[in-house]
């Protein structure tokens, strides 16, 4: 007997309010802004990971075979391409970000990602790979054992155990820098602070906070940039470092837009603290439709040379659940709304539909973002 159950959520929205009175916590300036001229340089490289236990690239990855042959030729070994098997070797792309102020001889972490049809990088070692920036400058070389933090075990085609992702790993301190990346040569008198998320209100609050400590020091240029005038007592080559350090560790309360973010694929809903709705009455219920399919066998009469015929008889049962009504009064905070929705048994999918209905009704005072 086959049985299918379909549940339909009914949501009725009538024009209510959702206010958030709790203030956001202050954060450090360095967590919401940065000093201009201190951008990281992304670098990329191509290399080979060797020492794999039969989990490397196959014959289909021609670039891996060619790379291995070219490397052996540079080492004075000539091998025909058709005689090379690369099951213990994998071609990878190596990426890293060079922070400002990095000196020659420093080492930073790098990420290794499989480029071919390898099944795992477990136990592999990256051979020397040059790391190049967008302008073609080679800043150093990456090499070392790859750490993937997982495993991939396959006995046969039908039995396989995978823990975490095994085709991307990291090499702690694997990128050795040959060319330093000094910080921009400032004038030591005027600096510019850039907000990670430009906002006029946040820029004004940040200006006021800095001027409380250093009067007449900060001047907003736009929603994302604040000009800083270094005090005379700190306008020496090392003084601005102390000045920037103090600015970075000041705290400010950033303003954020009212936004509700919904990921329908995973059923995740994130509502910002500034989200509000007009005064609302919400009714939520479900209709459950059960469809049962019963097989019916028709047997022919004895000695009639007939055939057995199979058919199905379907029955439909509809259950209409009484709607559960929730009223939100003025100045309802987010925790009270969450408690109300939990009390009526609303699932994440139901809550997604509720927010969408609120937006369509014009009651949601926030931007609705659906991923």
Protein backbone atom coordinates (compact mmCIF):
# COMPACT_ATOMS: atom_id res chain seq x y z
CA UNK A 1 0.00 0.00 0.00
CA UNK A 2 1.38 3.38 -1.02
CA UNK A 3 0.73 6.44 1.08
CA UNK A 4 1.58 10.03 0.30
CA UNK A 5 1.11 12.86 2.77
CA UNK A 6 1.07 16.48 1.68
CA UNK A 7 1.12 19.25 4.30
CA UNK A 8 0.08 22.75 3.29
CA UNK A 9 0.73 25.66 5.65
CA UNK A 10 -1.92 28.37 5.82
CA UNK A 11 -0.71 31.80 6.85
CA UNK A 12 -2.94 34.84 7.21
CA UNK A 13 -1.33 38.23 7.75
CA UNK A 14 -3.27 41.25 8.90
CA UNK A 15 -1.71 44.72 9.17
CA UNK A 16 1.27 44.81 13.47
CA UNK A 17 4.88 45.96 15.05
CA UNK A 18 8.20 44.37 15.70
CA UNK A 19 10.68 46.66 17.38
CA UNK A 20 14.10 45.89 18.76
CA UNK A 21 15.10 47.98 21.74
CA UNK A 22 18.33 46.22 22.56
CA UNK A 23 21.43 48.06 21.37
CA UNK A 24 24.19 46.36 19.47
CA UNK A 25 27.41 45.74 21.34
CA UNK A 26 30.37 48.01 20.70
CA UNK A 27 33.16 46.61 18.57
CA UNK A 28 36.76 47.63 18.02
CA UNK A 29 37.51 50.04 15.18
CA UNK A 30 39.97 47.53 13.68
CA UNK A 31 37.08 45.06 13.26
CA UNK A 32 34.99 47.41 11.11
CA UNK A 33 37.62 49.55 9.36
CA UNK A 34 41.19 49.52 8.07
CA UNK A 35 43.90 52.02 7.23
CA UNK A 36 44.16 52.71 3.48
CA UNK A 37 47.29 51.41 1.79
CA UNK A 38 47.34 48.17 3.77
CA UNK A 39 45.71 45.82 1.26
CA UNK A 40 46.82 42.21 1.05
CA UNK A 41 48.33 40.92 -2.20
CA UNK A 42 46.76 37.66 -3.44
CA UNK A 43 49.29 35.25 -4.93
CA UNK A 44 48.78 32.00 -6.82
CA UNK A 45 50.94 29.10 -7.88
CA UNK A 46 50.81 25.75 -9.64
CA UNK A 47 52.54 22.67 -8.31
CA UNK A 48 52.57 18.94 -7.79
CA UNK A 49 51.66 17.03 -4.65
CA UNK A 50 53.55 13.73 -4.47
CA UNK A 51 53.54 10.77 -2.10
CA UNK A 52 49.84 9.96 -2.41
CA UNK A 53 48.66 6.42 -1.81
CA UNK A 54 47.08 5.75 -5.18
CA UNK A 55 44.67 8.69 -4.81
CA UNK A 56 46.33 11.04 -7.30
CA UNK A 57 45.30 12.10 -10.80
CA UNK A 58 44.47 9.58 -13.49
CA UNK A 59 45.53 9.34 -17.11
CA UNK A 60 42.81 11.81 -18.02
CA UNK A 61 44.75 14.66 -16.36
CA UNK A 62 47.22 15.27 -19.18
CA UNK A 63 48.63 18.41 -17.53
CA UNK A 64 49.71 16.37 -14.49
CA UNK A 65 51.60 13.90 -16.68
CA UNK A 66 53.22 16.70 -18.67
CA UNK A 67 54.19 18.60 -15.52
CA UNK A 68 55.80 15.49 -14.02
CA UNK A 69 57.74 14.78 -17.22
CA UNK A 70 58.95 18.40 -17.42
CA UNK A 71 60.10 18.30 -13.80
CA UNK A 72 62.03 15.06 -14.32
CA UNK A 73 63.70 16.51 -17.42
CA UNK A 74 64.92 19.49 -15.40
CA UNK A 75 66.41 16.98 -12.97
CA UNK A 76 68.23 15.26 -15.84
CA UNK A 77 65.84 12.31 -16.20
CA UNK A 78 64.15 11.63 -19.55
CA UNK A 79 60.98 9.55 -19.46
CA UNK A 80 58.51 8.97 -22.34
CA UNK A 81 55.13 10.56 -21.61
CA UNK A 82 53.24 7.33 -22.35
CA UNK A 83 55.25 5.43 -19.73
CA UNK A 84 54.36 7.76 -16.87
CA UNK A 85 51.68 6.81 -14.32
CA UNK A 86 50.57 9.56 -11.96
CA UNK A 87 48.29 7.80 -9.49
CA UNK A 88 50.58 8.93 -6.65
CA UNK A 89 50.83 12.51 -7.96
CA UNK A 90 48.21 15.29 -8.10
CA UNK A 91 48.30 18.69 -9.80
CA UNK A 92 47.22 21.49 -7.46
CA UNK A 93 46.65 25.23 -7.33
CA UNK A 94 48.30 26.98 -4.38
CA UNK A 95 46.84 30.24 -3.06
CA UNK A 96 47.85 32.68 -0.32
CA UNK A 97 47.47 36.32 0.69
CA UNK A 98 50.57 38.43 1.35
CA UNK A 99 49.88 40.85 4.23
CA UNK A 100 51.46 44.33 4.22
CA UNK A 101 54.62 44.71 6.25
CA UNK A 102 55.82 41.18 5.42
CA UNK A 103 59.59 40.91 5.35
CA UNK A 104 61.88 38.74 3.28
CA UNK A 105 62.39 35.35 4.93
CA UNK A 106 58.94 35.29 6.55
CA UNK A 107 56.61 32.31 6.16
CA UNK A 108 52.82 32.31 5.97
CA UNK A 109 50.15 29.66 5.48
CA UNK A 110 48.95 28.66 2.02
CA UNK A 111 46.00 26.66 0.68
CA UNK A 112 46.37 23.73 -1.70
CA UNK A 113 43.45 22.71 -3.96
CA UNK A 114 43.27 19.74 -6.33
CA UNK A 115 43.16 20.65 -10.02
CA UNK A 116 42.69 17.23 -11.64
CA UNK A 117 40.68 14.08 -10.86
CA UNK A 118 42.50 13.04 -7.69
CA UNK A 119 40.37 11.52 -4.93
CA UNK A 120 42.41 12.67 -1.92
CA UNK A 121 45.49 14.72 -0.99
CA UNK A 122 45.98 12.82 2.26
CA UNK A 123 49.63 12.19 3.09
CA UNK A 124 50.92 14.25 0.15
CA UNK A 125 53.81 16.69 0.01
CA UNK A 126 53.82 19.77 -2.18
CA UNK A 127 56.93 20.22 -4.28
CA UNK A 128 58.43 23.68 -4.74
CA UNK A 129 55.81 25.92 -6.38
CA UNK A 130 56.52 29.57 -7.34
CA UNK A 131 53.91 32.04 -6.02
CA UNK A 132 53.04 34.84 -8.44
CA UNK A 133 51.01 38.05 -8.03
CA UNK A 134 48.74 39.57 -10.68
CA UNK A 135 51.57 41.73 -12.01
CA UNK A 136 53.77 38.67 -12.59
CA UNK A 137 56.07 39.26 -9.61
CA UNK A 138 57.23 36.05 -7.93
CA UNK A 139 57.13 36.73 -4.20
CA UNK A 140 58.36 33.34 -3.04
CA UNK A 141 57.82 29.59 -3.11
CA UNK A 142 55.48 27.16 -1.40
CA UNK A 143 56.25 23.60 -0.36
CA UNK A 144 55.72 21.14 2.44
CA UNK A 145 53.37 18.41 3.73
CA UNK A 146 49.67 19.00 3.10
CA UNK A 147 47.27 18.88 6.06
CA UNK A 148 43.67 18.09 5.10
CA UNK A 149 42.06 17.33 8.48
CA UNK A 150 40.04 14.39 7.16
CA UNK A 151 40.19 11.03 5.42
CA UNK A 152 38.69 9.17 2.48
CA UNK A 153 38.55 5.37 2.72
CA UNK A 154 37.10 3.28 -0.11
CA UNK A 155 37.15 -0.53 -0.04
CA UNK A 156 35.20 -1.00 -3.28
CA UNK A 157 32.65 0.91 -5.31
CA UNK A 158 29.89 0.24 -2.82
CA UNK A 159 31.75 0.83 0.46
CA UNK A 160 33.19 4.27 1.13
CA UNK A 161 33.76 6.44 4.21
CA UNK A 162 34.56 10.14 3.83
CA UNK A 163 35.36 12.48 6.74
CA UNK A 164 35.59 16.17 5.81
CA UNK A 165 36.80 17.34 2.40
CA UNK A 166 40.02 15.71 1.27
CA UNK A 167 40.80 17.61 -1.95
CA UNK A 168 41.67 20.93 -0.29
CA UNK A 169 44.32 21.30 2.40
CA UNK A 170 46.67 23.79 4.03
CA UNK A 171 50.39 23.99 4.61
CA UNK A 172 51.13 25.91 7.83
CA UNK A 173 54.04 28.26 7.10
CA UNK A 174 54.42 26.66 3.69
CA UNK A 175 54.82 29.92 1.73
CA UNK A 176 58.37 31.25 2.11
CA UNK A 177 58.68 34.89 1.05
CA UNK A 178 61.69 36.00 -1.00
CA UNK A 179 60.52 39.56 -1.72
CA UNK A 180 59.20 41.67 1.14
CA UNK A 181 55.98 43.65 0.91
CA UNK A 182 56.57 46.90 2.83
CA UNK A 183 53.70 49.05 4.02
CA UNK A 184 52.85 52.13 2.02
CA UNK A 185 55.10 55.11 2.72
CA UNK A 186 52.74 57.42 4.62
CA UNK A 187 53.27 61.12 5.12
CA UNK A 188 52.84 60.49 8.86
CA UNK A 189 50.51 63.49 9.02
CA UNK A 190 47.29 62.47 7.25
CA UNK A 191 45.86 58.94 7.14
CA UNK A 192 42.59 57.59 5.78
CA UNK A 193 40.38 55.05 7.53
CA UNK A 194 38.06 52.95 5.31
CA UNK A 195 34.93 51.28 6.68
CA UNK A 196 34.38 47.66 5.72
CA UNK A 197 30.64 48.36 5.28
CA UNK A 198 30.20 52.02 4.30
CA UNK A 199 27.45 53.76 6.26
CA UNK A 200 26.93 57.46 7.03
CA UNK A 201 25.66 56.83 10.56
CA UNK A 202 28.60 54.58 11.40
CA UNK A 203 31.02 57.11 9.91
CA UNK A 204 29.55 59.86 12.11
CA UNK A 205 29.75 57.70 15.25
CA UNK A 206 33.32 56.76 14.45
CA UNK A 207 34.25 60.41 13.93
CA UNK A 208 32.73 61.37 17.28
CA UNK A 209 34.48 58.50 19.09
CA UNK A 210 37.90 59.37 17.68
CA UNK A 211 37.46 63.08 18.36
CA UNK A 212 36.62 62.29 21.99
CA UNK A 213 40.18 60.97 22.36
CA UNK A 214 41.96 63.16 19.80
CA UNK A 215 40.01 66.43 19.40
CA UNK A 216 39.62 67.74 15.84
CA UNK A 217 41.40 64.71 14.45
CA UNK A 218 38.75 62.85 12.38
CA UNK A 219 36.81 64.23 9.40
CA UNK A 220 34.45 61.99 7.37
CA UNK A 221 34.92 62.37 3.61
CA UNK A 222 32.01 60.11 2.65
CA UNK A 223 30.07 57.10 3.95
CA UNK A 224 33.13 54.86 3.82
CA UNK A 225 36.18 57.08 4.39
CA UNK A 226 37.36 59.08 7.40
CA UNK A 227 40.42 61.31 7.20
CA UNK A 228 42.69 61.27 10.24
CA UNK A 229 45.09 64.08 11.08
CA UNK A 230 47.95 62.73 13.18
CA UNK A 231 48.58 64.93 16.27
CA UNK A 232 51.77 66.99 16.17
CA UNK A 233 53.26 65.06 19.09
CA UNK A 234 53.01 61.81 17.07
CA UNK A 235 54.14 63.08 13.66
CA UNK A 236 57.43 61.26 13.63
CA UNK A 237 58.35 58.13 11.70
CA UNK A 238 57.35 55.76 14.50
CA UNK A 239 54.76 57.94 16.20
CA UNK A 240 51.98 57.25 13.71
CA UNK A 241 52.21 53.53 14.55
CA UNK A 242 51.26 54.32 18.15
CA UNK A 243 48.50 56.61 16.88
CA UNK A 244 47.01 53.92 14.59
CA UNK A 245 47.23 51.34 17.38
CA UNK A 246 45.21 53.55 19.72
CA UNK A 247 42.62 54.28 17.02
CA UNK A 248 42.22 50.59 16.15
CA UNK A 249 41.48 49.66 19.74
CA UNK A 250 38.79 52.28 20.28
CA UNK A 251 35.25 50.89 20.37
CA UNK A 252 32.28 52.07 18.32
CA UNK A 253 28.66 51.00 17.87
CA UNK A 254 28.23 50.41 14.09
CA UNK A 255 24.84 50.95 12.53
CA UNK A 256 23.44 48.19 10.34
CA UNK A 257 20.48 48.13 7.93
CA UNK A 258 17.31 46.24 8.83
CA UNK A 259 17.58 42.99 6.92
CA UNK A 260 16.16 39.47 7.00
CA UNK A 261 18.29 36.86 5.21
CA UNK A 262 16.66 33.58 4.18
CA UNK A 263 18.38 30.50 2.75
CA UNK A 264 15.57 28.35 1.38
CA UNK A 265 17.97 25.51 0.54
CA UNK A 266 18.87 24.91 4.19
CA UNK A 267 15.88 26.49 5.94
CA UNK A 268 18.07 29.10 7.65
CA UNK A 269 16.61 32.47 8.71
CA UNK A 270 18.69 35.33 10.14
CA UNK A 271 16.91 38.52 11.22
CA UNK A 272 18.83 41.66 12.10
CA UNK A 273 18.13 43.46 15.36
CA UNK A 274 16.76 46.53 13.56
CA UNK A 275 14.01 44.58 11.80
CA UNK A 276 10.47 45.72 12.64
CA UNK A 277 6.93 45.04 11.42
CA UNK A 278 3.67 46.92 11.58
CA UNK A 279 1.18 45.70 14.27
CA UNK A 280 0.14 42.24 13.13
CA UNK A 281 -2.22 39.34 13.81
CA UNK A 282 -0.87 36.09 12.43
CA UNK A 283 -2.94 32.92 11.94
CA UNK A 284 -1.07 29.71 11.19
CA UNK A 285 -2.52 26.30 10.49
CA UNK A 286 -2.01 23.29 8.23
CA UNK A 287 -3.97 21.18 5.83
CA UNK A 288 -2.78 17.57 5.67
CA UNK A 289 -3.72 15.58 2.56
CA UNK A 290 -3.19 11.79 2.72
CA UNK A 291 -3.38 9.82 -0.52
CA UNK A 292 -3.59 6.04 -0.13
CA UNK A 293 -3.15 3.72 -3.10
CA UNK A 294 -4.44 0.12 -2.60
CA UNK A 295 -3.60 -2.50 -5.24
CA UNK A 296 -6.62 -4.49 -6.56
CA UNK A 297 -6.01 -7.86 -8.24
CA UNK A 298 -8.60 -9.24 -10.69
CA UNK A 299 -8.30 -13.00 -11.30
CA UNK A 300 -9.83 -14.65 -14.43
CA UNK A 301 -12.30 -17.55 -14.16
CA UNK A 302 -10.79 -21.05 -14.09
CA UNK A 303 -9.94 -22.45 -17.54
CA UNK A 304 -11.01 -19.16 -19.22
CA UNK A 305 -7.52 -18.45 -20.58
CA UNK A 306 -7.87 -14.95 -19.21
CA UNK A 307 -5.12 -12.83 -17.66
CA UNK A 308 -4.61 -11.53 -14.18
CA UNK A 309 -5.17 -7.77 -14.12
CA UNK A 310 -3.73 -5.46 -11.46
CA UNK A 311 -5.28 -2.06 -10.81
CA UNK A 312 -5.12 0.52 -8.03
CA UNK A 313 -7.81 2.09 -5.95
CA UNK A 314 -6.96 5.47 -4.44
CA UNK A 315 -8.51 7.21 -1.46
CA UNK A 316 -7.89 10.78 -0.38
CA UNK A 317 -8.19 11.96 3.22
CA UNK A 318 -8.04 15.70 4.00
CA UNK A 319 -7.46 16.94 7.57
CA UNK A 320 -7.89 20.66 8.19
CA UNK A 321 -6.15 21.83 11.36
CA UNK A 322 -7.58 24.77 13.28
CA UNK A 323 -5.57 27.93 12.74
CA UNK A 324 -3.44 29.14 15.65
CA UNK A 325 -3.53 32.91 15.98
CA UNK A 326 -0.70 35.01 17.45
CA UNK A 327 -0.92 38.76 18.17
CA UNK A 328 2.22 40.87 18.33
CA UNK A 329 1.84 44.04 20.36
CA UNK A 330 3.94 47.18 20.10
CA UNK A 331 7.61 47.06 21.06
CA UNK A 332 7.81 43.30 20.69
CA UNK A 333 11.45 42.25 20.66
CA UNK A 334 12.98 39.51 18.55
CA UNK A 335 13.14 36.94 21.36
CA UNK A 336 9.40 37.31 22.05
CA UNK A 337 8.60 36.85 18.36
CA UNK A 338 10.78 33.75 18.21
CA UNK A 339 9.05 32.34 21.31
CA UNK A 340 5.62 32.98 19.77
CA UNK A 341 6.52 31.23 16.53
CA UNK A 342 7.97 28.28 18.46
CA UNK A 343 4.82 28.09 20.60
CA UNK A 344 2.59 27.56 17.56
CA UNK A 345 4.96 24.90 16.26
CA UNK A 346 6.13 26.80 13.20
CA UNK A 347 8.90 25.01 11.32
CA UNK A 348 11.74 26.86 9.55
CA UNK A 349 9.85 26.44 6.27
CA UNK A 350 6.74 27.94 7.87
CA UNK A 351 8.73 30.89 9.23
CA UNK A 352 10.20 31.52 5.76
CA UNK A 353 6.67 31.63 4.35
CA UNK A 354 5.59 33.95 7.18
CA UNK A 355 8.36 36.46 6.40
CA UNK A 356 7.55 36.35 2.70
CA UNK A 357 3.86 36.94 3.43
CA UNK A 358 4.76 39.84 5.76
CA UNK A 359 6.81 41.42 2.98
CA UNK A 360 4.01 41.00 0.44
CA UNK A 361 1.52 42.55 2.89
CA UNK A 362 3.81 45.56 3.33
CA UNK A 363 4.14 44.94 7.07
CA UNK A 364 7.83 43.96 7.12
CA UNK A 365 9.99 47.04 7.71
CA UNK A 366 13.20 45.47 6.46
CA UNK A 367 14.97 44.27 3.36
CA UNK A 368 14.19 40.63 2.58
CA UNK A 369 17.17 38.76 1.08
CA UNK A 370 16.58 35.26 -0.27
CA UNK A 371 19.71 33.22 -1.04
